[in-house]
C-alpha cells in the first residue's frame, strides 16, 4: 500500500487565545468595545486570506461597512486587491439573516452552503465566515436566532467551513451569555483588553478517562477525516469508530464530534499538529455537500 504524507487540516484563527481549530468549528467571541470587535475581525480575516480561504463578513451595528473596510485596509496587506478579486466579501448582516422581517433558518444555511460550493469551485481551501449579532434584546427574533446558532453546529460539521459569531457584552444579559455559549463549540471574551476562555461544555471532568483508541479516533476527527476514512486508517469497522467518537464526545461534554475535537485541541488532550501518514486515496477531505 502506497503511503502519502499530508499536512494536518487544522485552520489558524489568527486570534491568539483560539489558536488552531478543526474544519467545521463554530465559535463565539464576546467583545466589550467596537475596537475589540474590529481588531479581532481583522486578525481573523487576515489569516483566512493568507490561508486561501474565502472570507465572508456579515456586518451590523455597532460597525458600518465603511468602518469594516477601513479597518481591514489598515490591517491587511493588499486588502483592496483581495476585495476586488472576490477573496473577501462584506455585506449587511440584516439583509443576509432577514428577508425583510422574515427569518428562515434553511435559507441562511443553504446560503452558506452555496458560498462553500462556489469557493471550492474557485479552488479556495474552504470558507471562513463571521457575523455580528444584532438580535440581542429583540424578543421577536431571539429564539429563532438561538435555534439557528444550534443548527449551525450541525450544518458546518464535516464541512470545509469555520464560523466566528460575535456578540456585544454590553447588550448581553447573563442568561444571553449562557444561551449563546451553549450554542457554540467554544466561546471566548475580550474584556478590559484581556482574553478569557468560556468553555461551553464546562470543565473537562472526564477527559482523563479517554482511552487510547478514543484519543486516536478523536485526533483523526480533528484532522478532518470522516468515520469511514478513520475506519480505513485504523483498520477497524466504521461502527467501532462511531462508538469511540461517541464515547469521547460524551466524556468531554460536547454536543457533537466537531465540538469534541475543538475542545480536545484547545485543552491539548490531543495534538494533531504534526505531519501524518495516510494510506493512498485518503489524503483529501471531501466537502460532502
Protein backbone atom coordinates (compact mmCIF):
# COMPACT_ATOMS: atom_id res chain seq x y z
CA UNK A 1 0.00 0.00 0.00
CA UNK A 2 1.43 3.39 -1.01
CA UNK A 3 1.68 5.89 1.84
CA UNK A 4 1.19 9.60 1.29
CA UNK A 5 2.41 12.26 3.72
CA UNK A 6 -0.10 15.07 4.15
CA UNK A 7 -0.44 18.20 6.24
CA UNK A 8 -2.95 18.34 9.05
CA UNK A 9 -6.01 20.41 8.03
CA UNK A 10 -6.32 22.49 11.20
CA UNK A 11 -7.09 26.12 10.49
CA UNK A 12 -5.32 29.08 12.06
CA UNK A 13 -7.82 31.51 13.54
CA UNK A 14 -5.47 34.49 13.75
CA UNK A 15 -6.79 35.10 17.28
CA UNK A 16 -4.12 34.20 19.83
CA UNK A 17 -6.40 32.79 22.50
CA UNK A 18 -8.08 30.45 20.00
CA UNK A 19 -5.01 29.22 18.15
CA UNK A 20 -5.89 26.48 15.65
CA UNK A 21 -9.28 24.83 15.20
CA UNK A 22 -10.56 21.99 13.01
CA UNK A 23 -12.74 22.49 9.95
CA UNK A 24 -16.40 22.63 10.92
CA UNK A 25 -15.74 24.62 14.11
CA UNK A 26 -18.37 27.15 15.21
CA UNK A 27 -17.01 29.56 17.79
CA UNK A 28 -18.21 32.66 19.61
CA UNK A 29 -16.49 35.87 20.64
CA UNK A 30 -17.94 38.31 23.18
CA UNK A 31 -16.45 41.79 22.78
CA UNK A 32 -16.55 44.84 25.06
CA UNK A 33 -15.83 47.70 22.65
CA UNK A 34 -16.20 48.35 18.94
CA UNK A 35 -12.41 48.40 18.65
CA UNK A 36 -12.23 44.94 20.25
CA UNK A 37 -14.57 43.67 17.53
CA UNK A 38 -12.64 45.32 14.71
CA UNK A 39 -9.26 44.14 15.98
CA UNK A 40 -10.42 40.52 16.30
CA UNK A 41 -12.12 40.54 12.90
CA UNK A 42 -9.06 41.97 11.14
CA UNK A 43 -6.81 39.26 12.62
CA UNK A 44 -9.36 36.56 11.78
CA UNK A 45 -9.84 37.58 8.15
CA UNK A 46 -6.19 38.47 7.54
CA UNK A 47 -5.28 34.90 8.46
CA UNK A 48 -8.07 33.47 6.30
CA UNK A 49 -6.81 35.40 3.27
CA UNK A 50 -3.27 34.19 3.92
CA UNK A 51 -4.54 30.60 4.07
CA UNK A 52 -6.51 30.80 0.80
CA UNK A 53 -9.96 30.77 2.36
CA UNK A 54 -12.95 32.67 1.01
CA UNK A 55 -13.74 35.22 3.73
CA UNK A 56 -17.33 36.32 4.37
CA UNK A 57 -18.24 39.06 6.86
CA UNK A 58 -21.91 39.79 7.57
CA UNK A 59 -21.67 43.10 9.42
CA UNK A 60 -24.16 45.02 11.51
CA UNK A 61 -24.17 47.62 14.27
CA UNK A 62 -22.07 48.82 16.00
CA UNK A 63 -19.89 48.93 12.87
CA UNK A 64 -20.65 50.09 9.36
CA UNK A 65 -19.37 48.72 6.06
CA UNK A 66 -17.09 51.75 5.74
CA UNK A 67 -15.59 51.17 9.19
CA UNK A 68 -15.10 47.49 8.41
CA UNK A 69 -13.33 48.22 5.13
CA UNK A 70 -11.17 50.96 6.70
CA UNK A 71 -10.05 48.60 9.48
CA UNK A 72 -9.24 45.83 7.02
CA UNK A 73 -7.39 48.25 4.72
CA UNK A 74 -5.18 49.28 7.65
CA UNK A 75 -4.51 45.73 8.86
CA UNK A 76 -4.49 43.53 5.74
CA UNK A 77 -1.81 43.92 3.07
CA UNK A 78 -3.32 44.32 -0.42
CA UNK A 79 -6.84 44.43 1.00
CA UNK A 80 -8.22 46.35 -1.98
CA UNK A 81 -6.89 43.67 -4.34
CA UNK A 82 -8.41 40.88 -2.23
CA UNK A 83 -11.74 42.73 -2.24
CA UNK A 84 -11.65 43.35 -6.00
CA UNK A 85 -10.83 39.69 -6.68
CA UNK A 86 -13.72 38.50 -4.52
CA UNK A 87 -11.49 36.78 -1.97
CA UNK A 88 -13.36 38.60 0.79
CA UNK A 89 -17.00 39.68 0.77
CA UNK A 90 -18.52 42.22 3.16
CA UNK A 91 -22.30 42.56 3.25
CA UNK A 92 -25.07 43.80 5.58
CA UNK A 93 -25.94 41.24 8.23
CA UNK A 94 -29.60 42.24 8.41
CA UNK A 95 -30.05 41.57 4.71
CA UNK A 96 -28.29 38.21 4.98
CA UNK A 97 -30.13 36.94 8.06
CA UNK A 98 -33.51 38.55 7.46
CA UNK A 99 -35.53 38.61 4.27
CA UNK A 100 -37.41 41.80 5.07
CA UNK A 101 -38.51 40.92 8.61
CA UNK A 102 -38.77 37.20 7.88
CA UNK A 103 -36.26 34.76 9.33
CA UNK A 104 -35.66 31.46 7.54
CA UNK A 105 -33.13 29.10 9.08
CA UNK A 106 -32.97 26.89 5.98
CA UNK A 107 -32.47 29.86 3.65
CA UNK A 108 -29.47 31.06 5.67
CA UNK A 109 -27.88 27.61 6.00
CA UNK A 110 -28.40 26.99 2.28
CA UNK A 111 -26.78 30.36 1.62
CA UNK A 112 -23.61 29.37 3.49
CA UNK A 113 -23.52 26.05 1.66
CA UNK A 114 -23.86 27.78 -1.69
CA UNK A 115 -20.95 30.05 -0.75
CA UNK A 116 -18.88 26.96 0.06
CA UNK A 117 -19.69 25.29 -3.25
CA UNK A 118 -18.68 28.44 -5.10
CA UNK A 119 -15.45 28.75 -3.08
CA UNK A 120 -14.40 25.17 -3.79
CA UNK A 121 -15.16 25.64 -7.48
CA UNK A 122 -12.73 28.57 -7.40
CA UNK A 123 -10.03 26.44 -5.70
CA UNK A 124 -10.25 28.05 -2.27
CA UNK A 125 -9.25 25.81 0.64
CA UNK A 126 -12.62 26.47 2.27
CA UNK A 127 -14.73 29.26 3.74
CA UNK A 128 -14.42 31.33 6.90
CA UNK A 129 -17.42 33.37 7.96
CA UNK A 130 -18.26 35.85 10.69
CA UNK A 131 -21.47 37.57 11.65
CA UNK A 132 -22.21 40.08 14.38
CA UNK A 133 -25.34 39.53 16.48
CA UNK A 134 -27.81 42.38 16.10
CA UNK A 135 -30.76 40.48 17.53
CA UNK A 136 -29.89 40.63 21.25
CA UNK A 137 -32.72 42.25 23.18
CA UNK A 138 -35.21 41.64 20.38
CA UNK A 139 -37.70 39.10 21.68
CA UNK A 140 -39.21 38.82 18.21
CA UNK A 141 -36.10 37.15 16.74
CA UNK A 142 -34.08 35.91 19.72
CA UNK A 143 -35.44 32.36 19.88
CA UNK A 144 -35.19 31.93 16.11
CA UNK A 145 -31.58 33.08 16.01
CA UNK A 146 -30.62 30.97 19.01
CA UNK A 147 -32.09 27.95 17.25
CA UNK A 148 -30.12 28.93 14.15
CA UNK A 149 -26.87 29.03 16.15
CA UNK A 150 -27.51 25.48 17.34
CA UNK A 151 -28.27 24.33 13.80
CA UNK A 152 -25.02 25.84 12.50
CA UNK A 153 -23.13 23.27 14.60
CA UNK A 154 -24.74 20.51 12.56
CA UNK A 155 -24.59 22.37 9.24
CA UNK A 156 -20.85 23.15 9.49
CA UNK A 157 -19.86 19.75 10.92
CA UNK A 158 -17.70 17.87 8.42
CA UNK A 159 -17.60 20.84 6.02
CA UNK A 160 -14.65 22.96 4.91
CA UNK A 161 -16.02 25.90 6.87
CA UNK A 162 -15.32 27.70 10.12
CA UNK A 163 -17.58 30.30 11.73
CA UNK A 164 -16.98 33.10 14.22
CA UNK A 165 -20.07 34.71 15.76
CA UNK A 166 -19.55 37.97 17.65
CA UNK A 167 -21.71 39.31 20.47
CA UNK A 168 -21.55 42.56 22.42
CA UNK A 169 -21.05 42.12 26.16
CA UNK A 170 -22.72 45.48 26.68
CA UNK A 171 -26.05 44.30 25.27
CA UNK A 172 -25.89 40.72 26.52
CA UNK A 173 -27.52 39.84 29.83
CA UNK A 174 -26.25 36.93 31.91
CA UNK A 175 -28.81 34.49 30.51
CA UNK A 176 -27.99 35.58 26.94
CA UNK A 177 -24.31 34.79 27.50
CA UNK A 178 -25.14 31.34 28.85
CA UNK A 179 -27.54 30.59 26.00
CA UNK A 180 -25.06 31.73 23.36
CA UNK A 181 -22.12 29.89 24.94
CA UNK A 182 -24.07 26.64 24.93
CA UNK A 183 -24.98 27.13 21.27
CA UNK A 184 -21.30 27.25 20.24
CA UNK A 185 -18.45 24.79 20.45
CA UNK A 186 -16.09 27.27 22.09
CA UNK A 187 -16.61 30.78 23.42
CA UNK A 188 -14.08 33.48 24.29
CA UNK A 189 -14.43 37.01 25.61
CA UNK A 190 -12.39 40.19 25.25
CA UNK A 191 -12.74 42.28 28.41
CA UNK A 192 -10.63 45.22 29.62
CA UNK A 193 -8.04 44.40 26.97
CA UNK A 194 -7.62 40.76 28.06
CA UNK A 195 -8.85 37.46 26.66
CA UNK A 196 -10.90 34.94 28.63
CA UNK A 197 -11.97 31.45 27.56
CA UNK A 198 -15.55 30.40 28.24
CA UNK A 199 -15.85 26.66 27.59
CA UNK A 200 -19.41 25.88 26.57
CA UNK A 201 -19.03 22.39 27.94
CA UNK A 202 -17.70 23.47 31.32
CA UNK A 203 -14.85 21.61 32.98
CA UNK A 204 -13.41 18.58 31.23
CA UNK A 205 -14.41 16.36 34.09
CA UNK A 206 -13.92 13.02 32.39
CA UNK A 207 -11.12 13.91 29.98
CA UNK A 208 -8.63 11.72 31.83
CA UNK A 209 -10.85 8.67 31.25
CA UNK A 210 -10.47 8.77 27.46
CA UNK A 211 -8.97 5.53 26.20
CA UNK A 212 -6.03 5.39 23.80
CA UNK A 213 -8.35 4.32 20.97
CA UNK A 214 -10.82 7.14 21.73
CA UNK A 215 -7.96 9.65 21.68
CA UNK A 216 -6.72 8.22 18.39
CA UNK A 217 -10.14 8.38 16.75
CA UNK A 218 -10.74 11.92 18.05
CA UNK A 219 -7.37 13.03 16.70
CA UNK A 220 -8.38 11.88 13.22
CA UNK A 221 -11.69 13.73 13.61
CA UNK A 222 -9.67 16.88 14.34
CA UNK A 223 -7.70 16.17 11.18
CA UNK A 224 -10.91 16.38 9.18
CA UNK A 225 -11.48 12.69 8.47
CA UNK A 226 -14.88 11.03 8.22
CA UNK A 227 -15.79 7.92 10.19
CA UNK A 228 -15.33 5.80 7.08
CA UNK A 229 -11.86 7.26 6.41
CA UNK A 230 -10.86 6.71 10.05
CA UNK A 231 -12.02 3.10 9.85
CA UNK A 232 -9.76 2.56 6.81
CA UNK A 233 -6.81 4.23 8.54
CA UNK A 234 -7.18 2.33 11.83
CA UNK A 235 -8.31 -0.91 10.13
CA UNK A 236 -11.43 -1.19 12.27
CA UNK A 237 -15.11 -1.03 11.37
CA UNK A 238 -16.93 2.26 10.86
CA UNK A 239 -19.32 1.23 13.63
CA UNK A 240 -16.41 0.85 16.04
CA UNK A 241 -15.08 4.26 15.04
CA UNK A 242 -18.50 5.81 15.69
CA UNK A 243 -18.60 4.15 19.12
CA UNK A 244 -15.14 5.50 20.05
CA UNK A 245 -16.01 9.01 18.90
CA UNK A 246 -19.41 8.98 20.62
CA UNK A 247 -17.85 7.93 23.91
CA UNK A 248 -15.16 10.59 23.65
CA UNK A 249 -17.77 13.20 22.80
CA UNK A 250 -19.87 12.21 25.81
CA UNK A 251 -16.89 12.24 28.19
CA UNK A 252 -15.92 15.74 27.05
CA UNK A 253 -19.46 17.01 27.49
CA UNK A 254 -19.61 18.03 23.85
CA UNK A 255 -22.69 18.20 21.64
CA UNK A 256 -21.08 16.60 18.59
CA UNK A 257 -17.82 15.24 17.17
CA UNK A 258 -16.62 18.61 15.86
CA UNK A 259 -17.11 20.26 19.24
CA UNK A 260 -15.34 17.36 20.95
CA UNK A 261 -12.37 17.74 18.61
CA UNK A 262 -12.25 21.51 19.15
CA UNK A 263 -12.34 21.07 22.93
CA UNK A 264 -9.65 18.40 22.86
CA UNK A 265 -7.35 20.50 20.68
CA UNK A 266 -7.95 23.59 22.83
CA UNK A 267 -7.22 21.65 26.05
CA UNK A 268 -4.21 19.91 24.45
CA UNK A 269 -5.69 16.49 25.09
CA UNK A 270 -4.79 15.63 21.51
CA UNK A 271 -2.08 17.06 19.28
CA UNK A 272 -2.96 16.97 15.59
CA UNK A 273 -0.28 19.49 14.62
CA UNK A 274 2.31 17.13 13.13
CA UNK A 275 2.51 15.60 9.67
CA UNK A 276 0.80 12.24 9.40
CA UNK A 277 0.93 9.28 7.05
CA UNK A 278 -2.23 8.13 5.32
CA UNK A 279 -2.97 5.19 3.07
CA UNK A 280 -3.18 6.16 -0.59
CA UNK A 281 -6.52 7.63 -1.53
CA UNK A 282 -7.26 9.06 1.92
CA UNK A 283 -5.29 12.26 1.56
CA UNK A 284 -8.18 14.61 0.84
CA UNK A 285 -11.25 15.53 2.85
CA UNK A 286 -14.29 15.81 0.60
CA UNK A 287 -16.78 18.61 1.23
CA UNK A 288 -19.72 16.22 1.42
CA UNK A 289 -22.49 18.62 0.42
